[in-house]
Amino acid sequence: MFASVDDVTARLAETGYLASPAVATTVFLAARLGKPLLVEGPAGVGKTELAKAVAAITDARLVRLQCYEGVDESRALYEWNHAKQLLRITAGRDETWDRTRSDIFSEEYLLTRPLLTAIRGTDPKVLLVDEMDKADVEVEGLLLEVLSDFQVTVPELGTITAERRPFVVLTSNASRELSEALRRRCLFLHIDFPDAELERRIVALKVPGLDAVLAESLVRVVGALRAMDLRKAPSVAETVDWARTLLALGADRLDEEVVRQSLGVVLKHQEDVRTAAAKLDLDAV
C-alpha cells in the first residue's frame, strides 16, 4: 500500500490529513505487517478521519461499524432475512423440510453486516470499527476471530475466509478499558491534541482565508482552554469550526468581545463556558 513512511505522510496530506511522524509510521507498519490498528485518544483529534483518509488514498471502500451500547452479532456480523425465509417456506409448503432448509440457509437469504462485508470479495477495503469502547465487552469476542484469522464462521454455511485482507482501524475514546486479547492483535497508536505548530498548519489548510496572525492567536487560545480543568477540552475539529466562525464574523483580532460571542463554538457545556470566561486571560496567551 505504501512505499515508505514519507509516502504515507505525503499521500495523507493530499487528502487534507496532516499526519505527525508517529501517525505516519504506525500506518505504514500496519499496512506492511498486515496488522489491525487500534487508535486511542480524545474525541475530535482525527481518529476516524485517519481511517477515511487511508481509504481515500488507497482507493479502498470504507466499511464502517459504528459501535454503541447494545450492538450485537446481528448488527456486526450477519443475520438472516427472516421475512424472505418465511415467504420461501410458505411457497414451498409441499416440499420436504430438508430441501426447504437447504434453500433458506443459503447466500440468497444472508444479510451481511460490516465485519462480514469487510472480508468478502477481492476489492480493497478499509474496515473502520469506530468507538470500540462504547460497545459491550461481548462484541470484542466477535472481533477476535476476524482480527486473528480474518475469517467469520456462519454455522449454516461454514467458515468464510478473506481472499483479500482489509486494512483495519479500530478507534477508542478510552471510556472503558479494552481487553488484552484485543490489544494483542493490534498495533497501538495514541493520537493526542496536536502541538501548536501542527494545529496552526491544520487551520491554515482547512480555513485558508483566515489571517495567519489571527490563526496563530486562535491556536494559542485553544491551547490555553485545553490547559483548564474543563468537562470537555476543545477538539481539533472545534478549533477549525472556530476559525471558520471568525472568518464568517469578519473578525480581524481575537479580543474579549469576539471570544465571548463565539465561545460556544468550542465549548459545549455551560460550566466550561463559565470557567473559561472567569479564567481566560487573552493578554497572557
Foldseek 3Di string as FASTA:
>chain_A
DADDLVRQQVQLVVVLDHDDSQVSHQLVCCVVVVFAEEEEEAPFACQVVVLVSVCVSVVAAEQEDEAAEPDDCCQAFKDFQVVVLVVLCVVVVVDDPVVSVLVRPDPVGIGGHRLNVQQDDDTEYEYEYEAPVRYDLVVVVQCLCCLPQVWDQDPSPGIDHHPDHYHYYYYHHCPDDHDPSSVVRHHYHYRYADPLVVLLVSLCSLPVVFDSVQSSLLSVQLVVLQVDPDPGRFHSVLSNVVSVVCVVVVDPHDDPVSCLVCVCSGDVDPVSSVVCNVPPDSVVD
